[in-house]
PDB file of N, CA and C in Angstrom:
ATOM      1  N   MET A   1      -6.182  -0.871  -9.916  1.00  0.00           N
ATOM      2  CA  MET A   1      -5.429  -1.358  -8.724  1.00  0.00           C
ATOM      3  C   MET A   1      -4.162  -2.065  -9.208  1.00  0.00           C
ATOM      4  N   GLU A   2      -3.052  -1.729  -8.618  1.00  0.00           N
ATOM      5  CA  GLU A   2      -1.792  -2.339  -9.015  1.00  0.00           C
ATOM      6  C   GLU A   2      -1.733  -3.765  -8.472  1.00  0.00           C
ATOM      7  N   TYR A   3      -1.075  -4.632  -9.216  1.00  0.00           N
ATOM      8  CA  TYR A   3      -1.001  -6.032  -8.829  1.00  0.00           C
ATOM      9  C   TYR A   3       0.438  -6.276  -8.296  1.00  0.00           C
ATOM     10  N   PHE A   4       0.579  -6.822  -7.126  1.00  0.00           N
ATOM     11  CA  PHE A   4       1.881  -7.072  -6.550  1.00  0.00           C
ATOM     12  C   PHE A   4       2.298  -8.542  -6.693  1.00  0.00           C
ATOM     13  N   LYS A   5       3.573  -8.769  -6.844  1.00  0.00           N
ATOM     14  CA  LYS A   5       4.006 -10.140  -7.111  1.00  0.00           C
ATOM     15  C   LYS A   5       3.421 -11.197  -6.167  1.00  0.00           C
ATOM     16  N   LYS A   6       3.434 -10.863  -4.919  1.00  0.00           N
ATOM     17  CA  LYS A   6       3.015 -11.844  -3.874  1.00  0.00           C
ATOM     18  C   LYS A   6       1.450 -11.886  -3.779  1.00  0.00           C
ATOM     19  N   ASP A   7       0.672 -11.021  -4.340  1.00  0.00           N
ATOM     20  CA  ASP A   7      -0.717 -11.055  -4.315  1.00  0.00           C
ATOM     21  C   ASP A   7      -1.185 -12.397  -4.935  1.00  0.00           C
ATOM     22  N   GLU A   8      -0.483 -12.830  -5.919  1.00  0.00           N
ATOM     23  CA  GLU A   8      -0.846 -14.151  -6.574  1.00  0.00           C
ATOM     24  C   GLU A   8      -0.875 -15.260  -5.504  1.00  0.00           C
ATOM     25  N   ASP A   9       0.056 -15.222  -4.578  1.00  0.00           N
ATOM     26  CA  ASP A   9       0.057 -16.195  -3.508  1.00  0.00           C
ATOM     27  C   ASP A   9      -1.184 -16.211  -2.672  1.00  0.00           C
ATOM     28  N   LEU A  10      -1.647 -14.963  -2.374  1.00  0.00           N
ATOM     29  CA  LEU A  10      -2.868 -14.898  -1.588  1.00  0.00           C
ATOM     30  C   LEU A  10      -4.051 -15.482  -2.273  1.00  0.00           C
ATOM     31  N   TYR A  11      -4.205 -15.226  -3.569  1.00  0.00           N
ATOM     32  CA  TYR A  11      -5.271 -15.753  -4.368  1.00  0.00           C
ATOM     33  C   TYR A  11      -5.228 -17.274  -4.568  1.00  0.00           C
ATOM     34  N   LYS A  12      -4.030 -17.789  -4.569  1.00  0.00           N
ATOM     35  CA  LYS A  12      -3.809 -19.263  -4.700  1.00  0.00           C
ATOM     36  C   LYS A  12      -4.135 -19.988  -3.334  1.00  0.00           C
ATOM     37  N   HIS A  13      -3.844 -19.248  -2.263  1.00  0.00           N
ATOM     38  CA  HIS A  13      -3.966 -19.867  -0.893  1.00  0.00           C
ATOM     39  C   HIS A  13      -4.920 -19.048  -0.069  1.00  0.00           C
ATOM     40  N   LYS A  14      -6.150 -19.012  -0.387  1.00  0.00           N
ATOM     41  CA  LYS A  14      -7.177 -18.291   0.349  1.00  0.00           C
ATOM     42  C   LYS A  14      -7.282 -18.793   1.819  1.00  0.00           C
ATOM     43  N   ASN A  15      -7.413 -17.856   2.704  1.00  0.00           N
ATOM     44  CA  ASN A  15      -7.621 -18.162   4.108  1.00  0.00           C
ATOM     45  C   ASN A  15      -6.442 -19.065   4.613  1.00  0.00           C
ATOM     46  N   TYR A  16      -5.289 -18.878   4.182  1.00  0.00           N
ATOM     47  CA  TYR A  16      -4.180 -19.747   4.489  1.00  0.00           C
ATOM     48  C   TYR A  16      -3.173 -19.135   5.501  1.00  0.00           C
ATOM     49  N   TYR A  17      -2.925 -17.862   5.289  1.00  0.00           N
ATOM     50  CA  TYR A  17      -1.802 -17.188   5.930  1.00  0.00           C
ATOM     51  C   TYR A  17      -2.280 -16.688   7.370  1.00  0.00           C
ATOM     52  N   SER A  18      -1.341 -16.826   8.288  1.00  0.00           N
ATOM     53  CA  SER A  18      -1.670 -16.318   9.684  1.00  0.00           C
ATOM     54  C   SER A  18      -1.612 -14.809   9.689  1.00  0.00           C
ATOM     55  N   ILE A  19      -2.200 -14.259  10.740  1.00  0.00           N
ATOM     56  CA  ILE A  19      -2.175 -12.838  10.928  1.00  0.00           C
ATOM     57  C   ILE A  19      -0.722 -12.330  11.145  1.00  0.00           C
ATOM     58  N   ASP A  20       0.139 -13.190  11.923  1.00  0.00           N
ATOM     59  CA  ASP A  20       1.500 -12.792  12.125  1.00  0.00           C
ATOM     60  C   ASP A  20       2.213 -12.753  10.795  1.00  0.00           C
ATOM     61  N   TYR A  21       1.988 -13.711   9.886  1.00  0.00           N
ATOM     62  CA  TYR A  21       2.686 -13.722   8.629  1.00  0.00           C
ATOM     63  C   TYR A  21       2.296 -12.485   7.790  1.00  0.00           C
ATOM     64  N   LEU A  22       1.005 -12.181   7.802  1.00  0.00           N
ATOM     65  CA  LEU A  22       0.526 -11.014   7.031  1.00  0.00           C
ATOM     66  C   LEU A  22       1.182  -9.772   7.582  1.00  0.00           C
ATOM     67  N   LYS A  23       1.261  -9.619   8.889  1.00  0.00           N
ATOM     68  CA  LYS A  23       1.918  -8.485   9.507  1.00  0.00           C
ATOM     69  C   LYS A  23       3.327  -8.315   9.080  1.00  0.00           C
ATOM     70  N   GLU A  24       4.050  -9.454   9.147  1.00  0.00           N
ATOM     71  CA  GLU A  24       5.491  -9.434   8.828  1.00  0.00           C
ATOM     72  C   GLU A  24       5.720  -9.114   7.383  1.00  0.00           C
ATOM     73  N   ASN A  25       4.806  -9.473   6.489  1.00  0.00           N
ATOM     74  CA  ASN A  25       4.997  -9.240   5.056  1.00  0.00           C
ATOM     75  C   ASN A  25       3.984  -8.295   4.391  1.00  0.00           C
ATOM     76  N   ILE A  26       3.489  -7.383   5.241  1.00  0.00           N
ATOM     77  CA  ILE A  26       2.455  -6.463   4.798  1.00  0.00           C
ATOM     78  C   ILE A  26       2.850  -5.617   3.552  1.00  0.00           C
ATOM     79  N   LYS A  27       4.115  -5.352   3.515  1.00  0.00           N
ATOM     80  CA  LYS A  27       4.618  -4.482   2.324  1.00  0.00           C
ATOM     81  C   LYS A  27       4.637  -5.297   1.006  1.00  0.00           C
ATOM     82  N   GLU A  28       4.514  -6.636   1.068  1.00  0.00           N
ATOM     83  CA  GLU A  28       4.589  -7.460  -0.158  1.00  0.00           C
ATOM     84  C   GLU A  28       3.207  -7.624  -0.818  1.00  0.00           C
ATOM     85  N   PHE A  29       2.124  -7.197  -0.190  1.00  0.00           N
ATOM     86  CA  PHE A  29       0.741  -7.427  -0.657  1.00  0.00           C
ATOM     87  C   PHE A  29      -0.018  -6.146  -0.820  1.00  0.00           C
ATOM     88  N   SER A  30      -0.952  -6.167  -1.714  1.00  0.00           N
ATOM     89  CA  SER A  30      -1.950  -5.056  -1.795  1.00  0.00           C
ATOM     90  C   SER A  30      -2.950  -5.293  -0.587  1.00  0.00           C
ATOM     91  N   LEU A  31      -3.414  -4.250   0.007  1.00  0.00           N
ATOM     92  CA  LEU A  31      -4.309  -4.420   1.125  1.00  0.00           C
ATOM     93  C   LEU A  31      -5.633  -4.986   0.646  1.00  0.00           C
ATOM     94  N   TRP A  32      -6.085  -4.640  -0.543  1.00  0.00           N
ATOM     95  CA  TRP A  32      -7.307  -5.293  -1.105  1.00  0.00           C
ATOM     96  C   TRP A  32      -7.179  -6.756  -1.318  1.00  0.00           C
ATOM     97  N   ALA A  33      -6.015  -7.220  -1.766  1.00  0.00           N
ATOM     98  CA  ALA A  33      -5.770  -8.658  -1.896  1.00  0.00           C
ATOM     99  C   ALA A  33      -5.931  -9.411  -0.632  1.00  0.00           C
ATOM    100  N   ILE A  34      -5.269  -8.793   0.456  1.00  0.00           N
ATOM    101  CA  ILE A  34      -5.430  -9.400   1.778  1.00  0.00           C
ATOM    102  C   ILE A  34      -6.879  -9.434   2.240  1.00  0.00           C
ATOM    103  N   LEU A  35      -7.559  -8.294   2.078  1.00  0.00           N
ATOM    104  CA  LEU A  35      -8.971  -8.284   2.449  1.00  0.00           C
ATOM    105  C   LEU A  35      -9.828  -9.287   1.768  1.00  0.00           C
ATOM    106  N   HIS A  36      -9.537  -9.488   0.441  1.00  0.00           N
ATOM    107  CA  HIS A  36     -10.430 -10.414  -0.402  1.00  0.00           C
ATOM    108  C   HIS A  36     -10.124 -11.871  -0.167  1.00  0.00           C
ATOM    109  N   THR A  37      -8.963 -12.189   0.336  1.00  0.00           N
ATOM    110  CA  THR A  37      -8.477 -13.604   0.350  1.00  0.00           C
ATOM    111  C   THR A  37      -8.207 -14.231   1.679  1.00  0.00           C
ATOM    112  N   GLN A  38      -8.039 -13.391   2.723  1.00  0.00           N
ATOM    113  CA  GLN A  38      -7.608 -14.012   4.018  1.00  0.00           C
ATOM    114  C   GLN A  38      -8.625 -13.738   5.117  1.00  0.00           C
ATOM    115  N   THR A  39      -8.684 -14.598   6.073  1.00  0.00           N
ATOM    116  CA  THR A  39      -9.553 -14.422   7.207  1.00  0.00           C
ATOM    117  C   THR A  39      -8.800 -13.540   8.237  1.00  0.00           C
ATOM    118  N   LEU A  40      -9.402 -12.373   8.508  1.00  0.00           N
ATOM    119  CA  LEU A  40      -8.688 -11.380   9.295  1.00  0.00           C
ATOM    120  C   LEU A  40      -9.377 -11.175  10.615  1.00  0.00           C
ATOM    121  N   THR A  41      -8.669 -10.507  11.551  1.00  0.00           N
ATOM    122  CA  THR A  41      -9.161 -10.129  12.851  1.00  0.00           C
ATOM    123  C   THR A  41      -9.638  -8.689  12.894  1.00  0.00           C
ATOM    124  N   PRO A  42     -10.533  -8.229  13.730  1.00  0.00           N
ATOM    125  CA  PRO A  42     -10.830  -6.857  13.815  1.00  0.00           C
ATOM    126  C   PRO A  42      -9.644  -5.961  14.021  1.00  0.00           C
ATOM    127  N   ASP A  43      -8.714  -6.423  14.930  1.00  0.00           N
ATOM    128  CA  ASP A  43      -7.537  -5.569  15.211  1.00  0.00           C
ATOM    129  C   ASP A  43      -6.700  -5.424  13.966  1.00  0.00           C
ATOM    130  N   PHE A  44      -6.561  -6.459  13.162  1.00  0.00           N
ATOM    131  CA  PHE A  44      -5.746  -6.355  11.914  1.00  0.00           C
ATOM    132  C   PHE A  44      -6.430  -5.375  10.996  1.00  0.00           C
ATOM    133  N   CYS A  45      -7.687  -5.514  10.823  1.00  0.00           N
ATOM    134  CA  CYS A  45      -8.424  -4.643   9.907  1.00  0.00           C
ATOM    135  C   CYS A  45      -8.338  -3.195  10.227  1.00  0.00           C
ATOM    136  N   VAL A  46      -8.495  -2.851  11.572  1.00  0.00           N
ATOM    137  CA  VAL A  46      -8.355  -1.479  11.916  1.00  0.00           C
ATOM    138  C   VAL A  46      -6.975  -0.934  11.810  1.00  0.00           C
ATOM    139  N   GLU A  47      -6.035  -1.763  12.264  1.00  0.00           N
ATOM    140  CA  GLU A  47      -4.580  -1.253  12.223  1.00  0.00           C
ATOM    141  C   GLU A  47      -3.996  -1.109  10.836  1.00  0.00           C
ATOM    142  N   TYR A  48      -4.302  -2.141  10.027  1.00  0.00           N
ATOM    143  CA  TYR A  48      -3.629  -2.198   8.744  1.00  0.00           C
ATOM    144  C   TYR A  48      -4.490  -1.713   7.530  1.00  0.00           C
ATOM    145  N   LEU A  49      -5.786  -1.751   7.655  1.00  0.00           N
ATOM    146  CA  LEU A  49      -6.664  -1.436   6.546  1.00  0.00           C
ATOM    147  C   LEU A  49      -7.417  -0.162   6.660  1.00  0.00           C
ATOM    148  N   LEU A  50      -7.788   0.313   7.883  1.00  0.00           N
ATOM    149  CA  LEU A  50      -8.674   1.341   8.044  1.00  0.00           C
ATOM    150  C   LEU A  50      -8.068   2.671   8.555  1.00  0.00           C
ATOM    151  N   MET A  51      -6.847   2.653   9.062  1.00  0.00           N
ATOM    152  CA  MET A  51      -6.269   3.842   9.636  1.00  0.00           C
ATOM    153  C   MET A  51      -6.140   4.983   8.555  1.00  0.00           C
ATOM    154  N   PRO A  52      -6.464   6.232   9.038  1.00  0.00           N
ATOM    155  CA  PRO A  52      -6.293   7.331   8.050  1.00  0.00           C
ATOM    156  C   PRO A  52      -4.815   7.514   7.686  1.00  0.00           C
ATOM    157  N   ASP A  53      -4.579   7.982   6.457  1.00  0.00           N
ATOM    158  CA  ASP A  53      -3.201   8.168   5.999  1.00  0.00           C
ATOM    159  C   ASP A  53      -2.458   6.843   6.082  1.00  0.00           C
ATOM    160  N   ASN A  54      -3.028   5.799   5.643  1.00  0.00           N
ATOM    161  CA  ASN A  54      -2.449   4.438   5.828  1.00  0.00           C
ATOM    162  C   ASN A  54      -1.108   4.304   5.255  1.00  0.00           C
ATOM    163  N   LYS A  55      -0.148   4.048   6.154  1.00  0.00           N
ATOM    164  CA  LYS A  55       1.246   3.898   5.710  1.00  0.00           C
ATOM    165  C   LYS A  55       1.510   2.588   4.978  1.00  0.00           C
ATOM    166  N   TYR A  56       0.518   1.639   5.009  1.00  0.00           N
ATOM    167  CA  TYR A  56       0.644   0.376   4.342  1.00  0.00           C
ATOM    168  C   TYR A  56       0.038   0.372   2.996  1.00  0.00           C
ATOM    169  N   ALA A  57      -0.699   1.424   2.593  1.00  0.00           N
ATOM    170  CA  ALA A  57      -1.321   1.488   1.270  1.00  0.00           C
ATOM    171  C   ALA A  57      -0.279   1.465   0.174  1.00  0.00           C
ATOM    172  N   LYS A  58      -0.511   0.664  -0.803  1.00  0.00           N
ATOM    173  CA  LYS A  58       0.446   0.551  -1.925  1.00  0.00           C
ATOM    174  C   LYS A  58       0.058   1.500  -3.040  1.00  0.00           C
ATOM    175  N   ASP A  59      -1.197   1.915  -3.135  1.00  0.00           N
ATOM    176  CA  ASP A  59      -1.685   2.792  -4.193  1.00  0.00           C
ATOM    177  C   ASP A  59      -2.956   3.454  -3.720  1.00  0.00           C
ATOM    178  N   GLU A  60      -3.583   4.194  -4.652  1.00  0.00           N
ATOM    179  CA  GLU A  60      -4.756   5.028  -4.258  1.00  0.00           C
ATOM    180  C   GLU A  60      -5.948   4.006  -3.872  1.00  0.00           C
ATOM    181  N   ASP A  61      -6.035   2.862  -4.525  1.00  0.00           N
ATOM    182  CA  ASP A  61      -7.123   1.918  -4.209  1.00  0.00           C
ATOM    183  C   ASP A  61      -6.944   1.443  -2.766  1.00  0.00           C
ATOM    184  N   ASP A  62      -5.771   1.148  -2.326  1.00  0.00           N
ATOM    185  CA  ASP A  62      -5.522   0.724  -0.997  1.00  0.00           C
ATOM    186  C   ASP A  62      -5.954   1.763   0.074  1.00  0.00           C
ATOM    187  N   GLU A  63      -5.957   3.000  -0.379  1.00  0.00           N
ATOM    188  CA  GLU A  63      -6.214   4.088   0.613  1.00  0.00           C
ATOM    189  C   GLU A  63      -7.698   4.290   0.813  1.00  0.00           C
ATOM    190  N   VAL A  64      -8.564   3.569   0.030  1.00  0.00           N
ATOM    191  CA  VAL A  64      -9.950   3.787   0.095  1.00  0.00           C
ATOM    192  C   VAL A  64     -10.686   2.468   0.549  1.00  0.00           C
ATOM    193  N   ILE A  65     -10.259   1.873   1.640  1.00  0.00           N
ATOM    194  CA  ILE A  65     -10.981   0.729   2.189  1.00  0.00           C
ATOM    195  C   ILE A  65     -11.749   1.285   3.442  1.00  0.00           C
ATOM    196  N   TYR A  66     -12.997   1.022   3.389  1.00  0.00           N
ATOM    197  CA  TYR A  66     -13.898   1.548   4.411  1.00  0.00           C
ATOM    198  C   TYR A  66     -14.502   0.403   5.234  1.00  0.00           C
ATOM    199  N   ILE A  67     -15.111   0.797   6.364  1.00  0.00           N
ATOM    200  CA  ILE A  67     -15.757  -0.231   7.248  1.00  0.00           C
ATOM    201  C   ILE A  67     -16.650  -1.112   6.515  1.00  0.00           C
ATOM    202  N   ASN A  68     -17.435  -0.601   5.566  1.00  0.00           N
ATOM    203  CA  ASN A  68     -18.382  -1.400   4.842  1.00  0.00           C
ATOM    204  C   ASN A  68     -17.701  -2.425   3.971  1.00  0.00           C
ATOM    205  N   ASN A  69     -16.488  -2.111   3.439  1.00  0.00           N
ATOM    206  CA  ASN A  69     -15.785  -3.078   2.683  1.00  0.00           C
ATOM    207  C   ASN A  69     -15.317  -4.247   3.619  1.00  0.00           C
ATOM    208  N   ILE A  70     -14.893  -3.846   4.810  1.00  0.00           N
ATOM    209  CA  ILE A  70     -14.495  -4.902   5.757  1.00  0.00           C
ATOM    210  C   ILE A  70     -15.661  -5.834   6.032  1.00  0.00           C
ATOM    211  N   LEU A  71     -16.794  -5.215   6.381  1.00  0.00           N
ATOM    212  CA  LEU A  71     -17.968  -5.971   6.734  1.00  0.00           C
ATOM    213  C   LEU A  71     -18.445  -6.904   5.597  1.00  0.00           C
ATOM    214  N   TYR A  72     -18.300  -6.453   4.385  1.00  0.00           N
ATOM    215  CA  TYR A  72     -18.701  -7.272   3.206  1.00  0.00           C
ATOM    216  C   TYR A  72     -17.778  -8.406   3.006  1.00  0.00           C
ATOM    217  N   TRP A  73     -16.436  -8.183   3.024  1.00  0.00           N
ATOM    218  CA  TRP A  73     -15.484  -9.232   2.752  1.00  0.00           C
ATOM    219  C   TRP A  73     -15.093 -10.119   3.929  1.00  0.00           C
ATOM    220  N   GLN A  74     -15.306  -9.636   5.134  1.00  0.00           N
ATOM    221  CA  GLN A  74     -14.974 -10.369   6.345  1.00  0.00           C
ATOM    222  C   GLN A  74     -16.276 -10.587   7.134  1.00  0.00           C
ATOM    223  N   ARG A  75     -17.116 -11.398   6.684  1.00  0.00           N
ATOM    224  CA  ARG A  75     -18.453 -11.529   7.239  1.00  0.00           C
ATOM    225  C   ARG A  75     -18.569 -11.992   8.684  1.00  0.00           C
ATOM    226  N   HIS A  76     -17.501 -12.518   9.237  1.00  0.00           N
ATOM    227  CA  HIS A  76     -17.441 -12.918  10.616  1.00  0.00           C
ATOM    228  C   HIS A  76     -17.165 -11.736  11.524  1.00  0.00           C
ATOM    229  N   ILE A  77     -16.901 -10.524  11.005  1.00  0.00           N
ATOM    230  CA  ILE A  77     -16.578  -9.350  11.780  1.00  0.00           C
ATOM    231  C   ILE A  77     -17.824  -8.462  11.699  1.00  0.00           C
ATOM    232  N   THR A  78     -18.137  -7.833  12.892  1.00  0.00           N
ATOM    233  CA  THR A  78     -19.230  -6.871  12.912  1.00  0.00           C
ATOM    234  C   THR A  78     -18.639  -5.464  13.126  1.00  0.00           C
ATOM    235  N   LYS A  79     -19.539  -4.458  12.915  1.00  0.00           N
ATOM    236  CA  LYS A  79     -19.094  -3.107  13.111  1.00  0.00           C
ATOM    237  C   LYS A  79     -18.663  -2.873  14.580  1.00  0.00           C
ATOM    238  N   ASP A  80     -19.343  -3.469  15.531  1.00  0.00           N
ATOM    239  CA  ASP A  80     -19.019  -3.355  16.869  1.00  0.00           C
ATOM    240  C   ASP A  80     -17.635  -4.025  17.185  1.00  0.00           C
ATOM    241  N   ASP A  81     -17.307  -5.118  16.491  1.00  0.00           N
ATOM    242  CA  ASP A  81     -16.018  -5.712  16.660  1.00  0.00           C
ATOM    243  C   ASP A  81     -14.905  -4.726  16.277  1.00  0.00           C
ATOM    244  N   LEU A  82     -15.110  -3.989  15.182  1.00  0.00           N
ATOM    245  CA  LEU A  82     -14.151  -3.064  14.696  1.00  0.00           C
ATOM    246  C   LEU A  82     -14.022  -1.820  15.672  1.00  0.00           C
ATOM    247  N   LEU A  83     -15.184  -1.383  16.122  1.00  0.00           N
ATOM    248  CA  LEU A  83     -15.179  -0.171  16.992  1.00  0.00           C
ATOM    249  C   LEU A  83     -14.682  -0.474  18.346  1.00  0.00           C
ATOM    250  N   ASN A  84     -14.711  -1.681  18.780  1.00  0.00           N
ATOM    251  CA  ASN A  84     -14.353  -2.009  20.202  1.00  0.00           C
ATOM    252  C   ASN A  84     -13.099  -2.951  20.240  1.00  0.00           C
ATOM    253  N   CYS A  85     -12.337  -3.103  19.227  1.00  0.00           N
ATOM    254  CA  CYS A  85     -11.209  -3.983  19.280  1.00  0.00           C
ATOM    255  C   CYS A  85     -10.038  -3.313  20.099  1.00  0.00           C
ATOM    256  N   GLU A  86      -9.128  -4.079  20.503  1.00  0.00           N
ATOM    257  CA  GLU A  86      -8.013  -3.573  21.334  1.00  0.00           C
ATOM    258  C   GLU A  86      -7.235  -2.460  20.633  1.00  0.00           C
ATOM    259  N   PHE A  87      -6.990  -2.572  19.368  1.00  0.00           N
ATOM    260  CA  PHE A  87      -6.210  -1.523  18.641  1.00  0.00           C
ATOM    261  C   PHE A  87      -7.025  -0.167  18.701  1.00  0.00           C
ATOM    262  N   MET A  88      -8.335  -0.230  18.438  1.00  0.00           N
ATOM    263  CA  MET A  88      -9.087   0.944  18.451  1.00  0.00           C
ATOM    264  C   MET A  88      -9.119   1.642  19.813  1.00  0.00           C
ATOM    265  N   LYS A  89      -9.229   0.781  20.865  1.00  0.00           N
ATOM    266  CA  LYS A  89      -9.224   1.303  22.216  1.00  0.00           C
ATOM    267  C   LYS A  89      -7.932   2.040  22.492  1.00  0.00           C
ATOM    268  N   LYS A  90      -6.796   1.462  22.103  1.00  0.00           N
ATOM    269  CA  LYS A  90      -5.510   2.153  22.248  1.00  0.00           C
ATOM    270  C   LYS A  90      -5.413   3.425  21.449  1.00  0.00           C
ATOM    271  N   TYR A  91      -5.934   3.387  20.222  1.00  0.00           N
ATOM    272  CA  TYR A  91      -5.890   4.554  19.317  1.00  0.00           C
ATOM    273  C   TYR A  91      -6.704   5.679  19.913  1.00  0.00           C
ATOM    274  N   LYS A  92      -7.890   5.337  20.487  1.00  0.00           N
ATOM    275  CA  LYS A  92      -8.768   6.451  21.064  1.00  0.00           C
ATOM    276  C   LYS A  92      -8.103   6.943  22.251  1.00  0.00           C
ATOM    277  N   TYR A  93      -7.521   6.137  23.132  1.00  0.00           N
ATOM    278  CA  TYR A  93      -6.867   6.609  24.302  1.00  0.00           C
ATOM    279  C   TYR A  93      -5.647   7.495  23.988  1.00  0.00           C
ATOM    280  N   ASN A  94      -4.813   7.112  23.014  1.00  0.00           N
ATOM    281  CA  ASN A  94      -3.675   7.926  22.689  1.00  0.00           C
ATOM    282  C   ASN A  94      -4.009   9.163  21.892  1.00  0.00           C
ATOM    283  N   ASN A  95      -5.206   9.301  21.330  1.00  0.00           N
ATOM    284  CA  ASN A  95      -5.560  10.427  20.553  1.00  0.00           C
ATOM    285  C   ASN A  95      -6.692  11.282  21.204  1.00  0.00           C
ATOM    286  N   LYS A  96      -6.726  11.249  22.434  1.00  0.00           N
ATOM    287  CA  LYS A  96      -7.692  12.067  23.195  1.00  0.00           C
ATOM    288  C   LYS A  96      -7.353  13.542  23.109  1.00  0.00           C
ATOM    289  N   PRO A  97      -8.314  14.389  22.872  1.00  0.00           N
ATOM    290  CA  PRO A  97      -7.995  15.841  22.947  1.00  0.00           C
ATOM    291  C   PRO A  97      -7.580  16.205  24.319  1.00  0.00           C
ATOM    292  N   PRO A  98      -6.671  17.182  24.429  1.00  0.00           N
ATOM    293  CA  PRO A  98      -6.277  17.618  25.813  1.00  0.00           C
ATOM    294  C   PRO A  98      -7.493  18.173  26.567  1.00  0.00           C
ATOM    295  N   THR A  99      -7.428  18.024  27.863  1.00  0.00           N
ATOM    296  CA  THR A  99      -8.571  18.548  28.671  1.00  0.00           C
ATOM    297  C   THR A  99      -8.088  19.850  29.354  1.00  0.00           C
TER     298      THR A  99
END
């Protein structure tokens, strides 16, 4: 896993940064460092960590974050939280197969 300059800040300041700050600076951090060090929301996890062909992934390691990884590192989040969050509802709605 590649180490990014700002990842060091995440490890120094665990559970410190707001979701808005993380979103604004997503390109500055590895996704695994965010997952390991910050308290995240289900919407953030789905949108930024779990989406296929993740445009925020910095390297191959960032591309292989799975639901089980989220559940392990973010113990306050459940599988149902991830499957029923607002982002997932919008994603499912926008990606319905044509009828």
